[in-house]
Amino acid sequence: VVVRLLKHGVNVLWTDCDIIWFRNPIPDMWSYNQDLVIQTNAPDNEPMNGRRRINSGFYLARSNAPTIKAFEDIIQYASKSRMSEQPCFYDIMCGKEGQTAVGDTQCKYNGMVVELLDRHLYPNGITDGIWDSPAGMIPKLHPNLFILHNNWVKGAEGKRLRFERHNFILYDPVDELCIYPEEW
């Protein structure tokens, strides 16, 4: 789907459903002025573009020839792999061993630049211990966040409990409904 959209001249903002948005990230992401800006999955003590640390759950891809080619290469590589698509993103864009990594925040692939988003503004589930904040306090304690990924937790139940603990979503198991706080 992403490749089809890119080929039709549409820039694509991809977001997994386990990501909380606190404010509009698009102007900031666009300001990086790179072909692909993408979240890192690295823990705080690792380089953001360390081996297999691209997180394919949140990115902005510009519609241009190098980006389209990279996504086609990811699809082809993933179709022959036993891995999920996420490590395939890294293996293609940064090289299996990080051969095309540049500094801590970029990779270059066949004429395109991949920029990793600032993990303190676009954190994954382990960054800065944000999910360990007191219940309901994340927006107050971390007011600069654009998004927060609910990953680095085991299973759907773990994600649900995290969401509920911080009042991001309430789940009614009887009616199987998701109820969002009124301010949303």
C-alpha atoms as a PDB file:
ATOM      1  CA  VAL A   1       0.000   0.000   0.000  1.00  0.00           C
ATOM      2  CA  VAL A   2       2.779   2.441   0.902  1.00  0.00           C
ATOM      3  CA  VAL A   3       4.613   1.814  -2.382  1.00  0.00           C
ATOM      4  CA  ARG A   4       1.395   2.323  -4.353  1.00  0.00           C
ATOM      5  CA  LEU A   5       0.779   5.649  -2.646  1.00  0.00           C
ATOM      6  CA  LEU A   6       4.367   6.780  -3.130  1.00  0.00           C
ATOM      7  CA  LYS A   7       4.138   5.891  -6.830  1.00  0.00           C
ATOM      8  CA  HIS A   8       1.012   8.066  -7.091  1.00  0.00           C
ATOM      9  CA  GLY A   9       2.960  11.064  -5.799  1.00  0.00           C
ATOM     10  CA  VAL A  10       1.587  10.875  -2.255  1.00  0.00           C
ATOM     11  CA  ASN A  11       3.883  11.388   0.727  1.00  0.00           C
ATOM     12  CA  VAL A  12       3.059   8.798   3.395  1.00  0.00           C
ATOM     13  CA  LEU A  13       2.871   9.229   7.150  1.00  0.00           C
ATOM     14  CA  TRP A  14       2.718   5.761   8.699  1.00  0.00           C
ATOM     15  CA  THR A  15       1.701   5.255  12.313  1.00  0.00           C
ATOM     16  CA  ASP A  16       1.098   1.996  14.144  1.00  0.00           C
ATOM     17  CA  CYS A  17      -2.081   1.809  16.196  1.00  0.00           C
ATOM     18  CA  ASP A  18      -0.110   1.482  19.456  1.00  0.00           C
ATOM     19  CA  ILE A  19       1.212   5.037  19.168  1.00  0.00           C
ATOM     20  CA  ILE A  20      -0.226   7.930  21.151  1.00  0.00           C
ATOM     21  CA  TRP A  21      -0.155  11.329  19.453  1.00  0.00           C
ATOM     22  CA  PHE A  22       0.216  14.323  21.771  1.00  0.00           C
ATOM     23  CA  ARG A  23       0.509  16.977  19.061  1.00  0.00           C
ATOM     24  CA  ASN A  24       0.759  17.212  15.297  1.00  0.00           C
ATOM     25  CA  PRO A  25       4.178  15.817  14.283  1.00  0.00           C
ATOM     26  CA  ILE A  26       3.918  16.561  10.568  1.00  0.00           C
ATOM     27  CA  PRO A  27       5.476  20.075  10.481  1.00  0.00           C
ATOM     28  CA  ASP A  28       8.412  18.902  12.603  1.00  0.00           C
ATOM     29  CA  MET A  29       8.919  15.729  10.568  1.00  0.00           C
ATOM     30  CA  TRP A  30       8.742  17.672   7.321  1.00  0.00           C
ATOM     31  CA  SER A  31      11.377  20.130   8.617  1.00  0.00           C
ATOM     32  CA  TYR A  32      14.018  17.365   8.642  1.00  0.00           C
ATOM     33  CA  ASN A  33      13.925  17.697   4.842  1.00  0.00           C
ATOM     34  CA  GLN A  34      14.992  14.084   4.243  1.00  0.00           C
ATOM     35  CA  ASP A  35      13.585  11.302   2.087  1.00  0.00           C
ATOM     36  CA  LEU A  36      12.512   9.221   5.066  1.00  0.00           C
ATOM     37  CA  VAL A  37      12.253  10.273   8.697  1.00  0.00           C
ATOM     38  CA  ILE A  38      11.611   7.331  10.970  1.00  0.00           C
ATOM     39  CA  GLN A  39      11.486   6.376  14.623  1.00  0.00           C
ATOM     40  CA  THR A  40      14.354   4.584  16.312  1.00  0.00           C
ATOM     41  CA  ASN A  41      13.776   1.507  18.423  1.00  0.00           C
ATOM     42  CA  ALA A  42      17.071   1.840  20.275  1.00  0.00           C
ATOM     43  CA  PRO A  43      17.291   1.923  24.058  1.00  0.00           C
ATOM     44  CA  ASP A  44      18.732   5.107  25.581  1.00  0.00           C
ATOM     45  CA  ASN A  45      22.255   3.725  25.897  1.00  0.00           C
ATOM     46  CA  GLU A  46      22.584   2.658  22.230  1.00  0.00           C
ATOM     47  CA  PRO A  47      23.192   4.659  19.045  1.00  0.00           C
ATOM     48  CA  MET A  48      19.856   5.600  17.483  1.00  0.00           C
ATOM     49  CA  ASN A  49      20.853   3.888  14.235  1.00  0.00           C
ATOM     50  CA  GLY A  50      22.481   0.898  15.917  1.00  0.00           C
ATOM     51  CA  ARG A  51      22.083  -2.526  14.341  1.00  0.00           C
ATOM     52  CA  ARG A  52      18.438  -3.189  13.493  1.00  0.00           C
ATOM     53  CA  ARG A  53      17.218  -0.183  15.470  1.00  0.00           C
ATOM     54  CA  ILE A  54      14.964   1.398  12.847  1.00  0.00           C
ATOM     55  CA  ASN A  55      11.331   1.249  14.002  1.00  0.00           C
ATOM     56  CA  SER A  56       9.010   0.877  11.030  1.00  0.00           C
ATOM     57  CA  GLY A  57       5.972   1.743  13.160  1.00  0.00           C
ATOM     58  CA  PHE A  58       6.247   5.499  12.669  1.00  0.00           C
ATOM     59  CA  TYR A  59       7.666   7.338   9.681  1.00  0.00           C
ATOM     60  CA  LEU A  60       7.172   9.971   7.008  1.00  0.00           C
ATOM     61  CA  ALA A  61       8.207   8.843   3.519  1.00  0.00           C
ATOM     62  CA  ARG A  62       8.530  11.369   0.711  1.00  0.00           C
ATOM     63  CA  SER A  63       7.287  10.372  -2.695  1.00  0.00           C
ATOM     64  CA  ASN A  64      10.418  10.331  -4.844  1.00  0.00           C
ATOM     65  CA  ALA A  65      12.321   7.802  -6.929  1.00  0.00           C
ATOM     66  CA  PRO A  66      14.957   6.840  -4.297  1.00  0.00           C
ATOM     67  CA  THR A  67      12.317   6.297  -1.584  1.00  0.00           C
ATOM     68  CA  ILE A  68      10.103   4.238  -3.891  1.00  0.00           C
ATOM     69  CA  LYS A  69      13.095   2.084  -4.867  1.00  0.00           C
ATOM     70  CA  ALA A  70      14.054   1.587  -1.203  1.00  0.00           C
ATOM     71  CA  PHE A  71      10.532   0.465  -0.272  1.00  0.00           C
ATOM     72  CA  GLU A  72      10.452  -1.905  -3.249  1.00  0.00           C
ATOM     73  CA  ASP A  73      13.794  -3.320  -2.106  1.00  0.00           C
ATOM     74  CA  ILE A  74      12.440  -3.765   1.447  1.00  0.00           C
ATOM     75  CA  ILE A  75       9.433  -5.674   0.107  1.00  0.00           C
ATOM     76  CA  GLN A  76      11.604  -7.901  -2.061  1.00  0.00           C
ATOM     77  CA  TYR A  77      14.054  -8.559   0.786  1.00  0.00           C
ATOM     78  CA  ALA A  78      11.265  -9.213   3.312  1.00  0.00           C
ATOM     79  CA  SER A  79       9.536 -11.641   0.948  1.00  0.00           C
ATOM     80  CA  LYS A  80      12.626 -13.865   1.114  1.00  0.00           C
ATOM     81  CA  SER A  81      13.213 -13.437   4.826  1.00  0.00           C
ATOM     82  CA  ARG A  82      11.808 -15.096   7.923  1.00  0.00           C
ATOM     83  CA  MET A  83      12.043 -11.781   9.798  1.00  0.00           C
ATOM     84  CA  SER A  84       9.278  -9.228  10.227  1.00  0.00           C
ATOM     85  CA  GLU A  85       9.448  -6.119   8.064  1.00  0.00           C
ATOM     86  CA  GLN A  86      11.081  -4.014  10.791  1.00  0.00           C
ATOM     87  CA  PRO A  87      14.579  -5.550  10.667  1.00  0.00           C
ATOM     88  CA  CYS A  88      14.263  -5.598   6.878  1.00  0.00           C
ATOM     89  CA  PHE A  89      13.959  -1.788   6.912  1.00  0.00           C
ATOM     90  CA  TYR A  90      17.299  -1.575   8.698  1.00  0.00           C
ATOM     91  CA  ASP A  91      19.056  -4.228   6.643  1.00  0.00           C
ATOM     92  CA  ILE A  92      18.138  -2.448   3.409  1.00  0.00           C
ATOM     93  CA  MET A  93      18.513   1.175   4.444  1.00  0.00           C
ATOM     94  CA  CYS A  94      21.480   0.932   6.797  1.00  0.00           C
ATOM     95  CA  GLY A  95      23.093  -2.302   5.596  1.00  0.00           C
ATOM     96  CA  LYS A  96      22.944  -5.559   7.554  1.00  0.00           C
ATOM     97  CA  GLU A  97      25.905  -4.453   9.654  1.00  0.00           C
ATOM     98  CA  GLY A  98      25.280  -0.716   9.507  1.00  0.00           C
ATOM     99  CA  GLN A  99      27.612  -0.129   6.559  1.00  0.00           C
ATOM    100  CA  THR A 100      25.612   2.903   5.385  1.00  0.00           C
ATOM    101  CA  ALA A 101      24.968   4.385   8.823  1.00  0.00           C
ATOM    102  CA  VAL A 102      26.140   7.991   9.109  1.00  0.00           C
ATOM    103  CA  GLY A 103      26.824   9.298  12.601  1.00  0.00           C
ATOM    104  CA  ASP A 104      24.165   8.455  15.187  1.00  0.00           C
ATOM    105  CA  THR A 105      21.073   9.573  13.308  1.00  0.00           C
ATOM    106  CA  GLN A 106      21.278   8.771   9.599  1.00  0.00           C
ATOM    107  CA  CYS A 107      21.662   6.054   7.018  1.00  0.00           C
ATOM    108  CA  LYS A 108      22.136   6.491   3.289  1.00  0.00           C
ATOM    109  CA  TYR A 109      20.784   4.111   0.696  1.00  0.00           C
ATOM    110  CA  ASN A 110      21.030   4.435  -3.083  1.00  0.00           C
ATOM    111  CA  GLY A 111      20.731   8.209  -3.170  1.00  0.00           C
ATOM    112  CA  MET A 112      18.282   8.627  -0.317  1.00  0.00           C
ATOM    113  CA  VAL A 113      18.817   9.821   3.229  1.00  0.00           C
ATOM    114  CA  VAL A 114      17.126   8.161   6.177  1.00  0.00           C
ATOM    115  CA  GLU A 115      16.966  10.368   9.277  1.00  0.00           C
ATOM    116  CA  LEU A 116      16.074   8.953  12.670  1.00  0.00           C
ATOM    117  CA  LEU A 117      13.708  11.095  14.687  1.00  0.00           C
ATOM    118  CA  ASP A 118      14.858  12.519  18.017  1.00  0.00           C
ATOM    119  CA  ARG A 119      14.018   9.731  20.460  1.00  0.00           C
ATOM    120  CA  HIS A 120      13.227  12.226  23.214  1.00  0.00           C
ATOM    121  CA  LEU A 121      10.455  13.785  21.086  1.00  0.00           C
ATOM    122  CA  TYR A 122       9.374  10.557  19.337  1.00  0.00           C
ATOM    123  CA  PRO A 123      10.152   7.950  22.005  1.00  0.00           C
ATOM    124  CA  ASN A 124       9.815   4.210  21.736  1.00  0.00           C
ATOM    125  CA  GLY A 125       8.504   2.234  24.687  1.00  0.00           C
ATOM    126  CA  ILE A 126      11.811   2.122  26.558  1.00  0.00           C
ATOM    127  CA  THR A 127      13.064   5.700  26.044  1.00  0.00           C
ATOM    128  CA  ASP A 128      13.705   7.761  29.190  1.00  0.00           C
ATOM    129  CA  GLY A 129      11.529   5.399  31.270  1.00  0.00           C
ATOM    130  CA  ILE A 130       8.500   7.430  30.152  1.00  0.00           C
ATOM    131  CA  TRP A 131       6.050   4.557  30.581  1.00  0.00           C
ATOM    132  CA  ASP A 132       7.274   4.228  34.201  1.00  0.00           C
ATOM    133  CA  SER A 133       5.891   7.694  34.985  1.00  0.00           C
ATOM    134  CA  PRO A 134       3.160   7.842  37.615  1.00  0.00           C
ATOM    135  CA  ALA A 135      -0.273   6.891  36.288  1.00  0.00           C
ATOM    136  CA  GLY A 136      -1.821   9.573  34.113  1.00  0.00           C
ATOM    137  CA  MET A 137       1.204  11.900  34.364  1.00  0.00           C
ATOM    138  CA  ILE A 138       2.989  11.374  31.033  1.00  0.00           C
ATOM    139  CA  PRO A 139       1.609  14.496  29.298  1.00  0.00           C
ATOM    140  CA  LYS A 140       2.456  16.683  32.316  1.00  0.00           C
ATOM    141  CA  LEU A 141       5.924  15.231  32.932  1.00  0.00           C
ATOM    142  CA  HIS A 142       6.872  15.086  29.238  1.00  0.00           C
ATOM    143  CA  PRO A 143       5.168  18.094  27.591  1.00  0.00           C
ATOM    144  CA  ASN A 144       7.460  18.168  24.535  1.00  0.00           C
ATOM    145  CA  LEU A 145       6.499  14.758  23.167  1.00  0.00           C
ATOM    146  CA  PHE A 146       5.018  14.499  19.711  1.00  0.00           C
ATOM    147  CA  ILE A 147       4.196  10.802  20.028  1.00  0.00           C
ATOM    148  CA  LEU A 148       4.840   7.855  22.326  1.00  0.00           C
ATOM    149  CA  HIS A 149       5.094   4.274  21.091  1.00  0.00           C
ATOM    150  CA  ASN A 150       3.646   1.557  23.302  1.00  0.00           C
ATOM    151  CA  ASN A 151       6.237  -1.028  22.378  1.00  0.00           C
ATOM    152  CA  TRP A 152       8.966  -2.785  24.363  1.00  0.00           C
ATOM    153  CA  VAL A 153       6.224  -4.561  26.301  1.00  0.00           C
ATOM    154  CA  LYS A 154       5.108  -8.180  25.925  1.00  0.00           C
ATOM    155  CA  GLY A 155       1.771  -8.957  24.348  1.00  0.00           C
ATOM    156  CA  ALA A 156      -1.461  -7.144  23.629  1.00  0.00           C
ATOM    157  CA  GLU A 157      -2.488  -7.402  27.273  1.00  0.00           C
ATOM    158  CA  GLY A 158       0.668  -5.569  28.375  1.00  0.00           C
ATOM    159  CA  LYS A 159      -0.040  -2.798  25.883  1.00  0.00           C
ATOM    160  CA  ARG A 160      -3.668  -2.544  26.972  1.00  0.00           C
ATOM    161  CA  LEU A 161      -2.682  -2.305  30.634  1.00  0.00           C
ATOM    162  CA  ARG A 162      -0.162   0.449  29.873  1.00  0.00           C
ATOM    163  CA  PHE A 163      -2.730   2.412  27.909  1.00  0.00           C
ATOM    164  CA  GLU A 164      -5.306   2.059  30.672  1.00  0.00           C
ATOM    165  CA  ARG A 165      -2.847   2.912  33.462  1.00  0.00           C
ATOM    166  CA  HIS A 166      -2.105   6.241  31.802  1.00  0.00           C
ATOM    167  CA  ASN A 167      -5.736   6.960  30.846  1.00  0.00           C
ATOM    168  CA  PHE A 168      -5.002   6.775  27.125  1.00  0.00           C
ATOM    169  CA  ILE A 169      -7.654   4.142  26.488  1.00  0.00           C
ATOM    170  CA  LEU A 170     -10.153   2.197  28.510  1.00  0.00           C
ATOM    171  CA  TYR A 171     -11.311  -1.186  27.314  1.00  0.00           C
ATOM    172  CA  ASP A 172     -14.775  -2.512  28.075  1.00  0.00           C
ATOM    173  CA  PRO A 173     -14.460  -6.310  27.735  1.00  0.00           C
ATOM    174  CA  VAL A 174     -18.241  -6.855  27.954  1.00  0.00           C
ATOM    175  CA  ASP A 175     -19.087  -4.739  24.916  1.00  0.00           C
ATOM    176  CA  GLU A 176     -15.594  -5.025  23.375  1.00  0.00           C
ATOM    177  CA  LEU A 177     -15.380  -1.264  22.978  1.00  0.00           C
ATOM    178  CA  CYS A 178     -12.480   1.123  23.277  1.00  0.00           C
ATOM    179  CA  ILE A 179     -13.413   4.255  25.164  1.00  0.00           C
ATOM    180  CA  TYR A 180     -11.200   7.317  24.858  1.00  0.00           C
ATOM    181  CA  PRO A 181     -10.952  10.057  27.482  1.00  0.00           C
ATOM    182  CA  GLU A 182     -13.438  12.917  26.965  1.00  0.00           C
ATOM    183  CA  GLU A 183     -10.762  15.494  26.137  1.00  0.00           C
ATOM    184  CA  TRP A 184      -9.934  13.503  22.970  1.00  0.00           C
END
